[in-house]
PDB file of all heavy atoms in Angstrom:
ATOM      1  N   HIS A   1      -8.774  -1.803  16.667  1.00  0.00           N
ATOM      2  CA  HIS A   1      -9.452  -0.515  16.741  1.00  0.00           C
ATOM      3  C   HIS A   1      -8.629   0.501  15.994  1.00  0.00           C
ATOM      4  O   HIS A   1      -7.433   0.651  16.226  1.00  0.00           O
ATOM      5  CB  HIS A   1      -9.630  -0.089  18.204  1.00  0.00           C
ATOM      6  CG  HIS A   1     -10.306   1.231  18.340  1.00  0.00           C
ATOM      7  ND1 HIS A   1     -11.650   1.393  18.214  1.00  0.00           N
ATOM      8  CD2 HIS A   1      -9.790   2.451  18.581  1.00  0.00           C
ATOM      9  CE1 HIS A   1     -11.973   2.653  18.361  1.00  0.00           C
ATOM     10  NE2 HIS A   1     -10.847   3.321  18.595  1.00  0.00           N
ATOM     11  N   ILE A   2      -9.265   1.228  15.067  1.00  0.00           N
ATOM     12  CA  ILE A   2      -8.587   2.260  14.309  1.00  0.00           C
ATOM     13  C   ILE A   2      -9.324   3.552  14.516  1.00  0.00           C
ATOM     14  O   ILE A   2     -10.543   3.622  14.331  1.00  0.00           O
ATOM     15  CB  ILE A   2      -8.533   1.911  12.807  1.00  0.00           C
ATOM     16  CG1 ILE A   2      -7.744   0.650  12.620  1.00  0.00           C
ATOM     17  CG2 ILE A   2      -7.938   3.066  12.024  1.00  0.00           C
ATOM     18  CD1 ILE A   2      -7.750   0.119  11.222  1.00  0.00           C
ATOM     19  N   LYS A   3      -8.606   4.613  14.888  1.00  0.00           N
ATOM     20  CA  LYS A   3      -9.235   5.901  15.091  1.00  0.00           C
ATOM     21  C   LYS A   3      -9.000   6.739  13.831  1.00  0.00           C
ATOM     22  O   LYS A   3      -7.858   6.952  13.409  1.00  0.00           O
ATOM     23  CB  LYS A   3      -8.622   6.591  16.294  1.00  0.00           C
ATOM     24  CG  LYS A   3      -9.302   7.904  16.596  1.00  0.00           C
ATOM     25  CD  LYS A   3      -8.802   8.483  17.888  1.00  0.00           C
ATOM     26  CE  LYS A   3      -9.552   9.771  18.194  1.00  0.00           C
ATOM     27  NZ  LYS A   3      -9.178  10.324  19.464  1.00  0.00           N
ATOM     28  N   LEU A   4     -10.085   7.200  13.230  1.00  0.00           N
ATOM     29  CA  LEU A   4     -10.010   8.013  12.031  1.00  0.00           C
ATOM     30  C   LEU A   4     -10.289   9.468  12.422  1.00  0.00           C
ATOM     31  O   LEU A   4     -11.104   9.720  13.287  1.00  0.00           O
ATOM     32  CB  LEU A   4     -11.032   7.560  10.987  1.00  0.00           C
ATOM     33  CG  LEU A   4     -10.854   6.100  10.518  1.00  0.00           C
ATOM     34  CD1 LEU A   4     -12.048   5.702   9.674  1.00  0.00           C
ATOM     35  CD2 LEU A   4      -9.573   5.939   9.754  1.00  0.00           C
ATOM     36  N   SER A   5      -9.640  10.379  11.744  1.00  0.00           N
ATOM     37  CA  SER A   5      -9.893  11.795  12.021  1.00  0.00           C
ATOM     38  C   SER A   5     -10.305  12.496  10.726  1.00  0.00           C
ATOM     39  O   SER A   5     -10.196  11.946   9.654  1.00  0.00           O
ATOM     40  CB  SER A   5      -8.639  12.463  12.616  1.00  0.00           C
ATOM     41  OG  SER A   5      -7.597  12.378  11.677  1.00  0.00           O
ATOM     42  N   GLY A   6     -10.793  13.709  10.850  1.00  0.00           N
ATOM     43  CA  GLY A   6     -11.193  14.483   9.677  1.00  0.00           C
ATOM     44  C   GLY A   6     -12.422  13.853   9.021  1.00  0.00           C
ATOM     45  O   GLY A   6     -13.301  13.331   9.657  1.00  0.00           O
ATOM     46  N   ARG A   7     -12.448  13.904   7.698  1.00  0.00           N
ATOM     47  CA  ARG A   7     -13.580  13.360   6.937  1.00  0.00           C
ATOM     48  C   ARG A   7     -13.758  11.854   7.117  1.00  0.00           C
ATOM     49  O   ARG A   7     -14.827  11.346   7.079  1.00  0.00           O
ATOM     50  CB  ARG A   7     -13.397  13.667   5.451  1.00  0.00           C
ATOM     51  CG  ARG A   7     -13.646  15.064   5.089  1.00  0.00           C
ATOM     52  CD  ARG A   7     -13.606  15.351   3.596  1.00  0.00           C
ATOM     53  NE  ARG A   7     -13.453  14.196   2.770  1.00  0.00           N
ATOM     54  CZ  ARG A   7     -13.331  14.214   1.472  1.00  0.00           C
ATOM     55  NH1 ARG A   7     -13.334  15.353   0.847  1.00  0.00           N
ATOM     56  NH2 ARG A   7     -13.182  13.114   0.783  1.00  0.00           N
ATOM     57  N   GLY A   8     -12.643  11.165   7.372  1.00  0.00           N
ATOM     58  CA  GLY A   8     -12.699   9.728   7.546  1.00  0.00           C
ATOM     59  C   GLY A   8     -13.494   9.280   8.743  1.00  0.00           C
ATOM     60  O   GLY A   8     -13.998   8.178   8.810  1.00  0.00           O
ATOM     61  N   SER A   9     -13.613  10.157   9.746  1.00  0.00           N
ATOM     62  CA  SER A   9     -14.354   9.787  10.952  1.00  0.00           C
ATOM     63  C   SER A   9     -15.841   9.710  10.687  1.00  0.00           C
ATOM     64  O   SER A   9     -16.558   8.966  11.341  1.00  0.00           O
ATOM     65  CB  SER A   9     -14.053  10.769  12.069  1.00  0.00           C
ATOM     66  OG  SER A   9     -14.495  12.065  11.733  1.00  0.00           O
ATOM     67  N   LYS A  10     -16.347  10.451   9.740  1.00  0.00           N
ATOM     68  CA  LYS A  10     -17.753  10.471   9.421  1.00  0.00           C
ATOM     69  C   LYS A  10     -18.106   9.529   8.258  1.00  0.00           C
ATOM     70  O   LYS A  10     -19.222   9.094   8.116  1.00  0.00           O
ATOM     71  CB  LYS A  10     -18.237  11.872   9.112  1.00  0.00           C
ATOM     72  CG  LYS A  10     -18.170  12.757  10.316  1.00  0.00           C
ATOM     73  CD  LYS A  10     -18.663  14.151  10.042  1.00  0.00           C
ATOM     74  CE  LYS A  10     -18.529  14.946  11.321  1.00  0.00           C
ATOM     75  NZ  LYS A  10     -18.455  16.332  11.123  1.00  0.00           N
ATOM     76  N   ASN A  11     -17.157   9.257   7.404  1.00  0.00           N
ATOM     77  CA  ASN A  11     -17.371   8.423   6.242  1.00  0.00           C
ATOM     78  C   ASN A  11     -16.175   7.492   6.084  1.00  0.00           C
ATOM     79  O   ASN A  11     -15.363   7.676   5.191  1.00  0.00           O
ATOM     80  CB  ASN A  11     -17.554   9.299   5.009  1.00  0.00           C
ATOM     81  CG  ASN A  11     -18.063   8.508   3.826  1.00  0.00           C
ATOM     82  OD1 ASN A  11     -18.554   7.387   3.968  1.00  0.00           O
ATOM     83  ND2 ASN A  11     -17.940   9.060   2.644  1.00  0.00           N
ATOM     84  N   PRO A  12     -16.043   6.470   6.935  1.00  0.00           N
ATOM     85  CA  PRO A  12     -14.871   5.582   6.877  1.00  0.00           C
ATOM     86  C   PRO A  12     -14.870   4.751   5.589  1.00  0.00           C
ATOM     87  O   PRO A  12     -15.922   4.553   4.982  1.00  0.00           O
ATOM     88  CB  PRO A  12     -15.040   4.720   8.105  1.00  0.00           C
ATOM     89  CG  PRO A  12     -16.492   4.711   8.380  1.00  0.00           C
ATOM     90  CD  PRO A  12     -17.019   6.052   7.949  1.00  0.00           C
ATOM     91  N   PRO A  13     -13.706   4.240   5.185  1.00  0.00           N
ATOM     92  CA  PRO A  13     -13.624   3.419   4.005  1.00  0.00           C
ATOM     93  C   PRO A  13     -14.428   2.124   4.199  1.00  0.00           C
ATOM     94  O   PRO A  13     -14.513   1.590   5.310  1.00  0.00           O
ATOM     95  CB  PRO A  13     -12.146   3.082   3.849  1.00  0.00           C
ATOM     96  CG  PRO A  13     -11.437   3.799   4.921  1.00  0.00           C
ATOM     97  CD  PRO A  13     -12.414   4.451   5.815  1.00  0.00           C
ATOM     98  N   ALA A  14     -15.015   1.648   3.118  1.00  0.00           N
ATOM     99  CA  ALA A  14     -15.763   0.389   3.178  1.00  0.00           C
ATOM    100  C   ALA A  14     -14.827  -0.778   3.413  1.00  0.00           C
ATOM    101  O   ALA A  14     -13.655  -0.719   3.007  1.00  0.00           O
ATOM    102  CB  ALA A  14     -16.543   0.198   1.870  1.00  0.00           C
ATOM    103  N   PRO A  15     -15.289  -1.847   4.010  1.00  0.00           N
ATOM    104  CA  PRO A  15     -14.409  -3.038   4.195  1.00  0.00           C
ATOM    105  C   PRO A  15     -14.225  -3.764   2.871  1.00  0.00           C
ATOM    106  O   PRO A  15     -15.075  -3.746   1.989  1.00  0.00           O
ATOM    107  CB  PRO A  15     -15.178  -3.869   5.198  1.00  0.00           C
ATOM    108  CG  PRO A  15     -16.590  -3.461   5.042  1.00  0.00           C
ATOM    109  CD  PRO A  15     -16.579  -2.029   4.662  1.00  0.00           C
ATOM    110  N   CYS A  16     -13.101  -4.444   2.746  1.00  0.00           N
ATOM    111  CA  CYS A  16     -12.787  -5.254   1.567  1.00  0.00           C
ATOM    112  C   CYS A  16     -13.837  -6.348   1.418  1.00  0.00           C
ATOM    113  O   CYS A  16     -14.192  -7.003   2.387  1.00  0.00           O
ATOM    114  CB  CYS A  16     -11.397  -5.859   1.705  1.00  0.00           C
ATOM    115  SG  CYS A  16     -10.929  -6.923   0.348  1.00  0.00           S
ATOM    116  N   VAL A  17     -14.312  -6.571   0.187  1.00  0.00           N
ATOM    117  CA  VAL A  17     -15.356  -7.585  -0.047  1.00  0.00           C
ATOM    118  C   VAL A  17     -14.785  -8.908  -0.599  1.00  0.00           C
ATOM    119  O   VAL A  17     -15.542  -9.825  -0.847  1.00  0.00           O
ATOM    120  CB  VAL A  17     -16.458  -7.063  -0.989  1.00  0.00           C
ATOM    121  CG1 VAL A  17     -17.167  -5.879  -0.383  1.00  0.00           C
ATOM    122  CG2 VAL A  17     -15.893  -6.726  -2.339  1.00  0.00           C
ATOM    123  N   ALA A  18     -13.459  -8.980  -0.796  1.00  0.00           N
ATOM    124  CA  ALA A  18     -12.868 -10.212  -1.318  1.00  0.00           C
ATOM    125  C   ALA A  18     -13.075 -11.343  -0.344  1.00  0.00           C
ATOM    126  O   ALA A  18     -13.155 -11.168   0.867  1.00  0.00           O
ATOM    127  CB  ALA A  18     -11.382  -9.999  -1.592  1.00  0.00           C
ATOM    128  N   ARG A  19     -13.163 -12.569  -0.873  1.00  0.00           N
ATOM    129  CA  ARG A  19     -13.302 -13.759  -0.049  1.00  0.00           C
ATOM    130  C   ARG A  19     -11.927 -14.234   0.371  1.00  0.00           C
ATOM    131  O   ARG A  19     -10.968 -14.159  -0.409  1.00  0.00           O
ATOM    132  CB  ARG A  19     -14.037 -14.859  -0.803  1.00  0.00           C
ATOM    133  CG  ARG A  19     -15.378 -14.469  -1.395  1.00  0.00           C
ATOM    134  CD  ARG A  19     -16.378 -13.994  -0.378  1.00  0.00           C
ATOM    135  NE  ARG A  19     -16.792 -15.069   0.516  1.00  0.00           N
ATOM    136  CZ  ARG A  19     -17.686 -14.924   1.464  1.00  0.00           C
ATOM    137  NH1 ARG A  19     -18.296 -13.780   1.640  1.00  0.00           N
ATOM    138  NH2 ARG A  19     -17.993 -15.924   2.263  1.00  0.00           N
ATOM    139  N   ALA A  20     -11.813 -14.705   1.608  1.00  0.00           N
ATOM    140  CA  ALA A  20     -10.522 -15.218   2.123  1.00  0.00           C
ATOM    141  C   ALA A  20     -10.803 -16.362   3.078  1.00  0.00           C
ATOM    142  O   ALA A  20     -11.851 -16.415   3.719  1.00  0.00           O
ATOM    143  CB  ALA A  20      -9.769 -14.087   2.818  1.00  0.00           C
ATOM    144  N   TRP A  21      -9.838 -17.261   3.208  1.00  0.00           N
ATOM    145  CA  TRP A  21      -9.942 -18.349   4.187  1.00  0.00           C
ATOM    146  C   TRP A  21      -9.448 -17.798   5.502  1.00  0.00           C
ATOM    147  O   TRP A  21      -8.305 -17.413   5.642  1.00  0.00           O
ATOM    148  CB  TRP A  21      -9.099 -19.552   3.758  1.00  0.00           C
ATOM    149  CG  TRP A  21      -9.777 -20.321   2.678  1.00  0.00           C
ATOM    150  CD1 TRP A  21      -9.511 -20.275   1.354  1.00  0.00           C
ATOM    151  CD2 TRP A  21     -10.844 -21.264   2.864  1.00  0.00           C
ATOM    152  NE1 TRP A  21     -10.360 -21.104   0.677  1.00  0.00           N
ATOM    153  CE2 TRP A  21     -11.187 -21.731   1.579  1.00  0.00           C
ATOM    154  CE3 TRP A  21     -11.552 -21.755   3.959  1.00  0.00           C
ATOM    155  CZ2 TRP A  21     -12.187 -22.666   1.370  1.00  0.00           C
ATOM    156  CZ3 TRP A  21     -12.573 -22.667   3.740  1.00  0.00           C
ATOM    157  CH2 TRP A  21     -12.866 -23.106   2.448  1.00  0.00           C
ATOM    158  N   ILE A  22     -10.347 -17.708   6.500  1.00  0.00           N
ATOM    159  CA  ILE A  22     -10.014 -17.203   7.819  1.00  0.00           C
ATOM    160  C   ILE A  22     -10.389 -18.278   8.833  1.00  0.00           C
ATOM    161  O   ILE A  22     -11.550 -18.654   8.940  1.00  0.00           O
ATOM    162  CB  ILE A  22     -10.770 -15.888   8.113  1.00  0.00           C
ATOM    163  CG1 ILE A  22     -10.396 -14.842   7.071  1.00  0.00           C
ATOM    164  CG2 ILE A  22     -10.456 -15.385   9.506  1.00  0.00           C
ATOM    165  CD1 ILE A  22     -11.236 -13.588   7.115  1.00  0.00           C
ATOM    166  N   GLU A  23      -9.369 -18.793   9.498  1.00  0.00           N
ATOM    167  CA  GLU A  23      -9.537 -19.871  10.481  1.00  0.00           C
ATOM    168  C   GLU A  23     -10.342 -21.038   9.912  1.00  0.00           C
ATOM    169  O   GLU A  23     -11.246 -21.559  10.515  1.00  0.00           O
ATOM    170  CB  GLU A  23     -10.213 -19.331  11.766  1.00  0.00           C
ATOM    171  CG  GLU A  23      -9.341 -18.309  12.455  1.00  0.00           C
ATOM    172  CD  GLU A  23      -9.953 -17.771  13.731  1.00  0.00           C
ATOM    173  OE1 GLU A  23     -11.046 -18.242  14.162  1.00  0.00           O
ATOM    174  OE2 GLU A  23      -9.366 -16.869  14.329  1.00  0.00           O
ATOM    175  N   GLY A  24     -10.004 -21.416   8.679  1.00  0.00           N
ATOM    176  CA  GLY A  24     -10.625 -22.569   8.026  1.00  0.00           C
ATOM    177  C   GLY A  24     -12.001 -22.334   7.445  1.00  0.00           C
ATOM    178  O   GLY A  24     -12.658 -23.271   6.998  1.00  0.00           O
ATOM    179  N   LYS A  25     -12.457 -21.092   7.408  1.00  0.00           N
ATOM    180  CA  LYS A  25     -13.776 -20.784   6.876  1.00  0.00           C
ATOM    181  C   LYS A  25     -13.637 -19.785   5.748  1.00  0.00           C
ATOM    182  O   LYS A  25     -12.787 -18.892   5.774  1.00  0.00           O
ATOM    183  CB  LYS A  25     -14.674 -20.182   7.948  1.00  0.00           C
ATOM    184  CG  LYS A  25     -14.985 -21.132   9.081  1.00  0.00           C
ATOM    185  CD  LYS A  25     -15.860 -20.452  10.089  1.00  0.00           C
ATOM    186  CE  LYS A  25     -16.100 -21.368  11.304  1.00  0.00           C
ATOM    187  NZ  LYS A  25     -16.864 -20.695  12.331  1.00  0.00           N
ATOM    188  N   ASP A  26     -14.506 -19.905   4.724  1.00  0.00           N
ATOM    189  CA  ASP A  26     -14.560 -18.951   3.628  1.00  0.00           C
ATOM    190  C   ASP A  26     -15.342 -17.717   4.095  1.00  0.00           C
ATOM    191  O   ASP A  26     -16.541 -17.792   4.286  1.00  0.00           O
ATOM    192  CB  ASP A  26     -15.216 -19.604   2.397  1.00  0.00           C
ATOM    193  CG  ASP A  26     -15.225 -18.690   1.197  1.00  0.00           C
ATOM    194  OD1 ASP A  26     -14.394 -17.771   1.130  1.00  0.00           O
ATOM    195  OD2 ASP A  26     -16.089 -18.892   0.309  1.00  0.00           O
ATOM    196  N   GLU A  27     -14.619 -16.634   4.327  1.00  0.00           N
ATOM    197  CA  GLU A  27     -15.226 -15.424   4.883  1.00  0.00           C
ATOM    198  C   GLU A  27     -14.861 -14.232   4.017  1.00  0.00           C
ATOM    199  O   GLU A  27     -13.978 -14.267   3.186  1.00  0.00           O
ATOM    200  CB  GLU A  27     -14.656 -15.141   6.303  1.00  0.00           C
ATOM    201  CG  GLU A  27     -14.818 -16.264   7.270  1.00  0.00           C
ATOM    202  CD  GLU A  27     -16.127 -16.219   8.031  1.00  0.00           C
ATOM    203  OE1 GLU A  27     -16.846 -15.182   7.948  1.00  0.00           O
ATOM    204  OE2 GLU A  27     -16.449 -17.220   8.667  1.00  0.00           O
TER     205      GLU A  27
END
């Protein structure tokens, strides 16, 4: 859980779209 304040609370950064192996799955 990340708490953002100011402008970030209304418009948080987008999540990374790169592919990665997470627990044996391509996610």
